Amino acid sequence: MENLKEIFSVFFREKPAMMLVNLKNSKGAIYASSLAKQVDCTYSHVVKILQEMQESGLVNFDKQGRLKLLTLTKKGNDVAEHIESIKNSL
């Protein structure tokens, strides 16, 4: 239950929420470095948030050579859709 509370607090901050929405709307491969630029965040902060998202089953890291490609899981995509819907409702 504590983990659920922690992940809830992660998503009701702007940067993590926008990271998920940007991942959902990305066309093709996306990496942590490009995601950091898109949401105007440091690379290290983005990686820390992505690790929390991975532990919660929202994103996957697919290692390709030296790079890690980011993909949303079904659960991550569902959460991103809800966040985007809320954002568009405001």
PDB file of N, CA and C in Angstrom:
ATOM      1  N   MET A   1       0.826  -1.203   0.000  1.00  0.00           N
ATOM      2  CA  MET A   1       0.000   0.000   0.000  1.00  0.00           C
ATOM      3  C   MET A   1       0.863   1.257   0.000  1.00  0.00           C
ATOM      4  N   GLU A   2       1.973   1.220   0.717  1.00  0.00           N
ATOM      5  CA  GLU A   2       2.870   2.374   0.769  1.00  0.00           C
ATOM      6  C   GLU A   2       3.424   2.693  -0.616  1.00  0.00           C
ATOM      7  N   ASN A   3       3.771   1.654  -1.397  1.00  0.00           N
ATOM      8  CA  ASN A   3       4.299   1.864  -2.740  1.00  0.00           C
ATOM      9  C   ASN A   3       3.263   2.566  -3.624  1.00  0.00           C
ATOM     10  N   LEU A   4       1.996   2.206  -3.473  1.00  0.00           N
ATOM     11  CA  LEU A   4       0.922   2.834  -4.239  1.00  0.00           C
ATOM     12  C   LEU A   4       0.862   4.331  -3.921  1.00  0.00           C
ATOM     13  N   LYS A   5       0.982   4.663  -2.657  1.00  0.00           N
ATOM     14  CA  LYS A   5       0.964   6.068  -2.243  1.00  0.00           C
ATOM     15  C   LYS A   5       2.147   6.821  -2.845  1.00  0.00           C
ATOM     16  N   GLU A   6       3.322   6.186  -2.858  1.00  0.00           N
ATOM     17  CA  GLU A   6       4.514   6.822  -3.410  1.00  0.00           C
ATOM     18  C   GLU A   6       4.344   7.083  -4.901  1.00  0.00           C
ATOM     19  N   ILE A   7       3.868   6.097  -5.636  1.00  0.00           N
ATOM     20  CA  ILE A   7       3.740   6.281  -7.083  1.00  0.00           C
ATOM     21  C   ILE A   7       2.644   7.294  -7.393  1.00  0.00           C
ATOM     22  N   PHE A   8       1.604   7.364  -6.591  1.00  0.00           N
ATOM     23  CA  PHE A   8       0.561   8.378  -6.783  1.00  0.00           C
ATOM     24  C   PHE A   8       1.169   9.774  -6.667  1.00  0.00           C
ATOM     25  N   SER A   9       2.017   9.967  -5.669  1.00  0.00           N
ATOM     26  CA  SER A   9       2.632  11.286  -5.478  1.00  0.00           C
ATOM     27  C   SER A   9       3.568  11.628  -6.625  1.00  0.00           C
ATOM     28  N   VAL A  10       4.155  10.630  -7.266  1.00  0.00           N
ATOM     29  CA  VAL A  10       5.026  10.871  -8.413  1.00  0.00           C
ATOM     30  C   VAL A  10       4.232  11.481  -9.557  1.00  0.00           C
ATOM     31  N   PHE A  11       3.034  10.992  -9.817  1.00  0.00           N
ATOM     32  CA  PHE A  11       2.289  11.426 -10.984  1.00  0.00           C
ATOM     33  C   PHE A  11       1.525  12.708 -10.821  1.00  0.00           C
ATOM     34  N   PHE A  12       1.395  13.183  -9.647  1.00  0.00           N
ATOM     35  CA  PHE A  12       0.712  14.448  -9.512  1.00  0.00           C
ATOM     36  C   PHE A  12       1.707  15.579  -9.325  1.00  0.00           C
ATOM     37  N   ARG A  13       2.818  15.406 -10.029  1.00  0.00           N
ATOM     38  CA  ARG A  13       3.792  16.478 -10.254  1.00  0.00           C
ATOM     39  C   ARG A  13       3.847  16.644 -11.773  1.00  0.00           C
ATOM     40  N   GLU A  14       4.079  17.849 -12.232  1.00  0.00           N
ATOM     41  CA  GLU A  14       3.980  18.138 -13.664  1.00  0.00           C
ATOM     42  C   GLU A  14       4.962  17.359 -14.524  1.00  0.00           C
ATOM     43  N   LYS A  15       6.244  17.357 -14.174  1.00  0.00           N
ATOM     44  CA  LYS A  15       7.255  16.736 -15.041  1.00  0.00           C
ATOM     45  C   LYS A  15       7.003  15.243 -15.258  1.00  0.00           C
ATOM     46  N   PRO A  16       6.791  14.456 -14.201  1.00  0.00           N
ATOM     47  CA  PRO A  16       6.532  13.022 -14.436  1.00  0.00           C
ATOM     48  C   PRO A  16       5.280  12.781 -15.269  1.00  0.00           C
ATOM     49  N   ALA A  17       4.246  13.555 -15.022  1.00  0.00           N
ATOM     50  CA  ALA A  17       3.013  13.381 -15.799  1.00  0.00           C
ATOM     51  C   ALA A  17       3.276  13.669 -17.269  1.00  0.00           C
ATOM     52  N   MET A  18       4.009  14.746 -17.555  1.00  0.00           N
ATOM     53  CA  MET A  18       4.297  15.093 -18.935  1.00  0.00           C
ATOM     54  C   MET A  18       5.252  14.088 -19.578  1.00  0.00           C
ATOM     55  N   MET A  19       6.122  13.483 -18.776  1.00  0.00           N
ATOM     56  CA  MET A  19       7.001  12.439 -19.315  1.00  0.00           C
ATOM     57  C   MET A  19       6.161  11.284 -19.858  1.00  0.00           C
ATOM     58  N   LEU A  20       5.176  10.863 -19.106  1.00  0.00           N
ATOM     59  CA  LEU A  20       4.319   9.755 -19.551  1.00  0.00           C
ATOM     60  C   LEU A  20       3.544  10.141 -20.806  1.00  0.00           C
ATOM     61  N   VAL A  21       2.970  11.336 -20.824  1.00  0.00           N
ATOM     62  CA  VAL A  21       2.198  11.785 -21.981  1.00  0.00           C
ATOM     63  C   VAL A  21       3.110  11.875 -23.212  1.00  0.00           C
ATOM     64  N   ASN A  22       4.319  12.408 -23.045  1.00  0.00           N
ATOM     65  CA  ASN A  22       5.250  12.500 -24.171  1.00  0.00           C
ATOM     66  C   ASN A  22       5.651  11.114 -24.673  1.00  0.00           C
ATOM     67  N   LEU A  23       5.847  10.174 -23.766  1.00  0.00           N
ATOM     68  CA  LEU A  23       6.156   8.802 -24.183  1.00  0.00           C
ATOM     69  C   LEU A  23       4.999   8.222 -24.987  1.00  0.00           C
ATOM     70  N   LYS A  24       3.781   8.469 -24.529  1.00  0.00           N
ATOM     71  CA  LYS A  24       2.603   7.947 -25.220  1.00  0.00           C
ATOM     72  C   LYS A  24       2.486   8.531 -26.620  1.00  0.00           C
ATOM     73  N   ASN A  25       2.790   9.805 -26.766  1.00  0.00           N
ATOM     74  CA  ASN A  25       2.615  10.488 -28.043  1.00  0.00           C
ATOM     75  C   ASN A  25       3.841  10.452 -28.946  1.00  0.00           C
ATOM     76  N   SER A  26       4.911   9.807 -28.501  1.00  0.00           N
ATOM     77  CA  SER A  26       6.134   9.795 -29.307  1.00  0.00           C
ATOM     78  C   SER A  26       5.942   8.961 -30.562  1.00  0.00           C
ATOM     79  N   LYS A  27       6.538   9.429 -31.627  1.00  0.00           N
ATOM     80  CA  LYS A  27       6.515   8.698 -32.891  1.00  0.00           C
ATOM     81  C   LYS A  27       7.873   8.035 -33.045  1.00  0.00           C
ATOM     82  N   GLY A  28       7.946   6.751 -32.774  1.00  0.00           N
ATOM     83  CA  GLY A  28       9.217   6.036 -32.906  1.00  0.00           C
ATOM     84  C   GLY A  28       9.991   5.989 -31.605  1.00  0.00           C
ATOM     85  N   ALA A  29      11.267   5.685 -31.737  1.00  0.00           N
ATOM     86  CA  ALA A  29      12.138   5.461 -30.577  1.00  0.00           C
ATOM     87  C   ALA A  29      12.311   6.732 -29.752  1.00  0.00           C
ATOM     88  N   ILE A  30      12.335   6.573 -28.451  1.00  0.00           N
ATOM     89  CA  ILE A  30      12.590   7.706 -27.557  1.00  0.00           C
ATOM     90  C   ILE A  30      13.526   7.230 -26.450  1.00  0.00           C
ATOM     91  N   TYR A  31      14.440   8.101 -26.088  1.00  0.00           N
ATOM     92  CA  TYR A  31      15.449   7.801 -25.074  1.00  0.00           C
ATOM     93  C   TYR A  31      15.331   8.806 -23.949  1.00  0.00           C
ATOM     94  N   ALA A  32      15.906   8.476 -22.806  1.00  0.00           N
ATOM     95  CA  ALA A  32      15.835   9.356 -21.636  1.00  0.00           C
ATOM     96  C   ALA A  32      16.379  10.743 -21.943  1.00  0.00           C
ATOM     97  N   SER A  33      17.457  10.824 -22.717  1.00  0.00           N
ATOM     98  CA  SER A  33      18.053  12.132 -23.020  1.00  0.00           C
ATOM     99  C   SER A  33      17.095  13.004 -23.833  1.00  0.00           C
ATOM    100  N   SER A  34      16.410  12.422 -24.815  1.00  0.00           N
ATOM    101  CA  SER A  34      15.471  13.220 -25.612  1.00  0.00           C
ATOM    102  C   SER A  34      14.229  13.567 -24.795  1.00  0.00           C
ATOM    103  N   LEU A  35      13.808  12.660 -23.927  1.00  0.00           N
ATOM    104  CA  LEU A  35      12.660  12.939 -23.060  1.00  0.00           C
ATOM    105  C   LEU A  35      12.985  14.093 -22.105  1.00  0.00           C
ATOM    106  N   ALA A  36      14.206  14.118 -21.590  1.00  0.00           N
ATOM    107  CA  ALA A  36      14.639  15.192 -20.689  1.00  0.00           C
ATOM    108  C   ALA A  36      14.526  16.549 -21.390  1.00  0.00           C
ATOM    109  N   LYS A  37      14.925  16.613 -22.657  1.00  0.00           N
ATOM    110  CA  LYS A  37      14.829  17.868 -23.411  1.00  0.00           C
ATOM    111  C   LYS A  37      13.367  18.257 -23.610  1.00  0.00           C
ATOM    112  N   GLN A  38      12.519  17.272 -23.930  1.00  0.00           N
ATOM    113  CA  GLN A  38      11.111  17.562 -24.201  1.00  0.00           C
ATOM    114  C   GLN A  38      10.389  18.143 -22.986  1.00  0.00           C
ATOM    115  N   VAL A  39      10.721  17.656 -21.797  1.00  0.00           N
ATOM    116  CA  VAL A  39      10.017  18.124 -20.596  1.00  0.00           C
ATOM    117  C   VAL A  39      10.830  19.152 -19.807  1.00  0.00           C
ATOM    118  N   ASP A  40      11.950  19.601 -20.396  1.00  0.00           N
ATOM    119  CA  ASP A  40      12.804  20.612 -19.779  1.00  0.00           C
ATOM    120  C   ASP A  40      13.221  20.212 -18.362  1.00  0.00           C
ATOM    121  N   CYS A  41      13.918  19.083 -18.298  1.00  0.00           N
ATOM    122  CA  CYS A  41      14.330  18.501 -17.037  1.00  0.00           C
ATOM    123  C   CYS A  41      15.759  17.981 -17.188  1.00  0.00           C
ATOM    124  N   THR A  42      16.473  17.821 -16.094  1.00  0.00           N
ATOM    125  CA  THR A  42      17.816  17.260 -16.207  1.00  0.00           C
ATOM    126  C   THR A  42      17.730  15.770 -16.516  1.00  0.00           C
ATOM    127  N   TYR A  43      18.751  15.275 -17.189  1.00  0.00           N
ATOM    128  CA  TYR A  43      18.820  13.856 -17.542  1.00  0.00           C
ATOM    129  C   TYR A  43      18.754  12.990 -16.282  1.00  0.00           C
ATOM    130  N   SER A  44      19.520  13.355 -15.253  1.00  0.00           N
ATOM    131  CA  SER A  44      19.560  12.526 -14.042  1.00  0.00           C
ATOM    132  C   SER A  44      18.197  12.477 -13.348  1.00  0.00           C
ATOM    133  N   HIS A  45      17.471  13.586 -13.353  1.00  0.00           N
ATOM    134  CA  HIS A  45      16.135  13.609 -12.747  1.00  0.00           C
ATOM    135  C   HIS A  45      15.171  12.719 -13.534  1.00  0.00           C
ATOM    136  N   VAL A  46      15.248  12.797 -14.862  1.00  0.00           N
ATOM    137  CA  VAL A  46      14.397  11.970 -15.721  1.00  0.00           C
ATOM    138  C   VAL A  46      14.670  10.489 -15.475  1.00  0.00           C
ATOM    139  N   VAL A  47      15.944  10.105 -15.392  1.00  0.00           N
ATOM    140  CA  VAL A  47      16.298   8.702 -15.168  1.00  0.00           C
ATOM    141  C   VAL A  47      15.771   8.225 -13.818  1.00  0.00           C
ATOM    142  N   LYS A  48      15.871   9.058 -12.791  1.00  0.00           N
ATOM    143  CA  LYS A  48      15.366   8.689 -11.460  1.00  0.00           C
ATOM    144  C   LYS A  48      13.858   8.436 -11.507  1.00  0.00           C
ATOM    145  N   ILE A  49      13.127   9.319 -12.164  1.00  0.00           N
ATOM    146  CA  ILE A  49      11.673   9.163 -12.280  1.00  0.00           C
ATOM    147  C   ILE A  49      11.334   7.927 -13.115  1.00  0.00           C
ATOM    148  N   LEU A  50      12.074   7.716 -14.216  1.00  0.00           N
ATOM    149  CA  LEU A  50      11.831   6.549 -15.064  1.00  0.00           C
ATOM    150  C   LEU A  50      12.063   5.245 -14.304  1.00  0.00           C
ATOM    151  N   GLN A  51      13.053   5.226 -13.413  1.00  0.00           N
ATOM    152  CA  GLN A  51      13.294   4.022 -12.610  1.00  0.00           C
ATOM    153  C   GLN A  51      12.112   3.749 -11.685  1.00  0.00           C
ATOM    154  N   GLU A  52      11.541   4.792 -11.101  1.00  0.00           N
ATOM    155  CA  GLU A  52      10.353   4.621 -10.259  1.00  0.00           C
ATOM    156  C   GLU A  52       9.184   4.105 -11.097  1.00  0.00           C
ATOM    157  N   MET A  53       9.048   4.647 -12.320  1.00  0.00           N
ATOM    158  CA  MET A  53       7.975   4.204 -13.205  1.00  0.00           C
ATOM    159  C   MET A  53       8.173   2.743 -13.615  1.00  0.00           C
ATOM    160  N   GLN A  54       9.417   2.359 -13.846  1.00  0.00           N
ATOM    161  CA  GLN A  54       9.708   0.972 -14.220  1.00  0.00           C
ATOM    162  C   GLN A  54       9.350   0.033 -13.064  1.00  0.00           C
ATOM    163  N   GLU A  55       9.717   0.406 -11.850  1.00  0.00           N
ATOM    164  CA  GLU A  55       9.403  -0.420 -10.676  1.00  0.00           C
ATOM    165  C   GLU A  55       7.898  -0.567 -10.481  1.00  0.00           C
ATOM    166  N   SER A  56       7.134   0.401 -10.946  1.00  0.00           N
ATOM    167  CA  SER A  56       5.678   0.364 -10.818  1.00  0.00           C
ATOM    168  C   SER A  56       5.003  -0.257 -12.036  1.00  0.00           C
ATOM    169  N   GLY A  57       5.789  -0.746 -12.984  1.00  0.00           N
ATOM    170  CA  GLY A  57       5.234  -1.435 -14.142  1.00  0.00           C
ATOM    171  C   GLY A  57       4.638  -0.517 -15.195  1.00  0.00           C
ATOM    172  N   LEU A  58       5.161   0.711 -15.299  1.00  0.00           N
ATOM    173  CA  LEU A  58       4.607   1.672 -16.250  1.00  0.00           C
ATOM    174  C   LEU A  58       5.459   1.848 -17.504  1.00  0.00           C
ATOM    175  N   VAL A  59       6.773   1.680 -17.369  1.00  0.00           N
ATOM    176  CA  VAL A  59       7.670   1.799 -18.530  1.00  0.00           C
ATOM    177  C   VAL A  59       8.633   0.619 -18.556  1.00  0.00           C
ATOM    178  N   ASN A  60       9.144   0.367 -19.756  1.00  0.00           N
ATOM    179  CA  ASN A  60      10.192  -0.628 -19.949  1.00  0.00           C
ATOM    180  C   ASN A  60      11.413   0.049 -20.538  1.00  0.00           C
ATOM    181  N   PHE A  61      12.590  -0.435 -20.153  1.00  0.00           N
ATOM    182  CA  PHE A  61      13.838  -0.025 -20.773  1.00  0.00           C
ATOM    183  C   PHE A  61      14.268  -1.183 -21.664  1.00  0.00           C
ATOM    184  N   ASP A  62      14.459  -0.922 -22.952  1.00  0.00           N
ATOM    185  CA  ASP A  62      14.944  -1.944 -23.874  1.00  0.00           C
ATOM    186  C   ASP A  62      16.336  -1.538 -24.319  1.00  0.00           C
ATOM    187  N   LYS A  63      17.328  -2.258 -23.805  1.00  0.00           N
ATOM    188  CA  LYS A  63      18.722  -1.916 -24.109  1.00  0.00           C
ATOM    189  C   LYS A  63      19.042  -2.243 -25.556  1.00  0.00           C
ATOM    190  N   GLN A  64      19.540  -1.242 -26.277  1.00  0.00           N
ATOM    191  CA  GLN A  64      19.971  -1.428 -27.664  1.00  0.00           C
ATOM    192  C   GLN A  64      21.368  -0.855 -27.781  1.00  0.00           C
ATOM    193  N   GLY A  65      22.350  -1.740 -27.678  1.00  0.00           N
ATOM    194  CA  GLY A  65      23.741  -1.279 -27.654  1.00  0.00           C
ATOM    195  C   GLY A  65      23.979  -0.496 -26.373  1.00  0.00           C
ATOM    196  N   ARG A  66      24.496   0.723 -26.519  1.00  0.00           N
ATOM    197  CA  ARG A  66      24.741   1.563 -25.349  1.00  0.00           C
ATOM    198  C   ARG A  66      23.512   2.355 -24.936  1.00  0.00           C
ATOM    199  N   LEU A  67      22.480   2.365 -25.769  1.00  0.00           N
ATOM    200  CA  LEU A  67      21.290   3.169 -25.502  1.00  0.00           C
ATOM    201  C   LEU A  67      20.153   2.337 -24.911  1.00  0.00           C
ATOM    202  N   LYS A  68      19.305   2.992 -24.154  1.00  0.00           N
ATOM    203  CA  LYS A  68      18.115   2.341 -23.608  1.00  0.00           C
ATOM    204  C   LYS A  68      16.883   2.997 -24.211  1.00  0.00           C
ATOM    205  N   LEU A  69      16.174   2.239 -25.013  1.00  0.00           N
ATOM    206  CA  LEU A  69      14.936   2.701 -25.629  1.00  0.00           C
ATOM    207  C   LEU A  69      13.821   2.599 -24.589  1.00  0.00           C
ATOM    208  N   LEU A  70      12.980   3.618 -24.529  1.00  0.00           N
ATOM    209  CA  LEU A  70      11.871   3.641 -23.569  1.00  0.00           C
ATOM    210  C   LEU A  70      10.567   3.264 -24.253  1.00  0.00           C
ATOM    211  N   THR A  71       9.793   2.420 -23.595  1.00  0.00           N
ATOM    212  CA  THR A  71       8.451   2.101 -24.074  1.00  0.00           C
ATOM    213  C   THR A  71       7.504   2.062 -22.884  1.00  0.00           C
ATOM    214  N   LEU A  72       6.263   2.396 -23.155  1.00  0.00           N
ATOM    215  CA  LEU A  72       5.232   2.297 -22.114  1.00  0.00           C
ATOM    216  C   LEU A  72       4.678   0.881 -22.077  1.00  0.00           C
ATOM    217  N   THR A  73       4.341   0.421 -20.905  1.00  0.00           N
ATOM    218  CA  THR A  73       3.613  -0.834 -20.773  1.00  0.00           C
ATOM    219  C   THR A  73       2.135  -0.513 -21.027  1.00  0.00           C
ATOM    220  N   LYS A  74       1.295  -1.518 -21.080  1.00  0.00           N
ATOM    221  CA  LYS A  74      -0.150  -1.286 -21.241  1.00  0.00           C
ATOM    222  C   LYS A  74      -0.650  -0.401 -20.091  1.00  0.00           C
ATOM    223  N   LYS A  75      -0.226  -0.736 -18.867  1.00  0.00           N
ATOM    224  CA  LYS A  75      -0.626   0.044 -17.688  1.00  0.00           C
ATOM    225  C   LYS A  75      -0.141   1.494 -17.823  1.00  0.00           C
ATOM    226  N   GLY A  76       1.099   1.677 -18.272  1.00  0.00           N
ATOM    227  CA  GLY A  76       1.656   3.018 -18.452  1.00  0.00           C
ATOM    228  C   GLY A  76       0.890   3.810 -19.493  1.00  0.00           C
ATOM    229  N   ASN A  77       0.520   3.141 -20.581  1.00  0.00           N
ATOM    230  CA  ASN A  77      -0.249   3.803 -21.631  1.00  0.00           C
ATOM    231  C   ASN A  77      -1.629   4.220 -21.113  1.00  0.00           C
ATOM    232  N   ASP A  78      -2.267   3.343 -20.337  1.00  0.00           N
ATOM    233  CA  ASP A  78      -3.577   3.670 -19.752  1.00  0.00           C
ATOM    234  C   ASP A  78      -3.480   4.895 -18.841  1.00  0.00           C
ATOM    235  N   VAL A  79      -2.448   4.924 -17.981  1.00  0.00           N
ATOM    236  CA  VAL A  79      -2.262   6.057 -17.067  1.00  0.00           C
ATOM    237  C   VAL A  79      -2.012   7.334 -17.864  1.00  0.00           C
ATOM    238  N   ALA A  80      -1.172   7.251 -18.905  1.00  0.00           N
ATOM    239  CA  ALA A  80      -0.872   8.419 -19.737  1.00  0.00           C
ATOM    240  C   ALA A  80      -2.135   8.950 -20.413  1.00  0.00           C
ATOM    241  N   GLU A  81      -2.984   8.047 -20.889  1.00  0.00           N
ATOM    242  CA  GLU A  81      -4.242   8.473 -21.515  1.00  0.00           C
ATOM    243  C   GLU A  81      -5.126   9.219 -20.524  1.00  0.00           C
ATOM    244  N   HIS A  82      -5.199   8.726 -19.298  1.00  0.00           N
ATOM    245  CA  HIS A  82      -6.006   9.390 -18.268  1.00  0.00           C
ATOM    246  C   HIS A  82      -5.451  10.768 -17.939  1.00  0.00           C
ATOM    247  N   ILE A  83      -4.115  10.866 -17.804  1.00  0.00           N
ATOM    248  CA  ILE A  83      -3.482  12.152 -17.511  1.00  0.00           C
ATOM    249  C   ILE A  83      -3.769  13.136 -18.633  1.00  0.00           C
ATOM    250  N   GLU A  84      -3.617  12.679 -19.875  1.00  0.00           N
ATOM    251  CA  GLU A  84      -3.861  13.551 -21.024  1.00  0.00           C
ATOM    252  C   GLU A  84      -5.328  14.003 -21.065  1.00  0.00           C
ATOM    253  N   SER A  85      -6.212  13.095 -20.737  1.00  0.00           N
ATOM    254  CA  SER A  85      -7.635  13.418 -20.700  1.00  0.00           C
ATOM    255  C   SER A  85      -7.934  14.483 -19.644  1.00  0.00           C
ATOM    256  N   ILE A  86      -7.342  14.337 -18.487  1.00  0.00           N
ATOM    257  CA  ILE A  86      -7.523  15.323 -17.407  1.00  0.00           C
ATOM    258  C   ILE A  86      -6.970  16.667 -17.849  1.00  0.00           C
ATOM    259  N   LYS A  87      -5.756  16.652 -18.429  1.00  0.00           N
ATOM    260  CA  LYS A  87      -5.119  17.895 -18.888  1.00  0.00           C
ATOM    261  C   LYS A  87      -6.001  18.592 -19.924  1.00  0.00           C
ATOM    262  N   ASN A  88      -6.570  17.815 -20.845  1.00  0.00           N
ATOM    263  CA  ASN A  88      -7.414  18.412 -21.891  1.00  0.00           C
ATOM    264  C   ASN A  88      -8.744  18.901 -21.355  1.00  0.00           C
ATOM    265  N   SER A  89      -9.153  18.398 -20.192  1.00  0.00           N
ATOM    266  CA  SER A  89     -10.413  18.818 -19.590  1.00  0.00           C
ATOM    267  C   SER A  89     -10.287  20.154 -18.858  1.00  0.00           C
ATOM    268  N   LEU A  90      -9.063  20.535 -18.566  1.00  0.00           N
ATOM    269  CA  LEU A  90      -8.842  21.758 -17.764  1.00  0.00           C
ATOM    270  C   LEU A  90      -8.878  23.023 -18.603  1.00  0.00           C
TER     271      LEU A  90
END
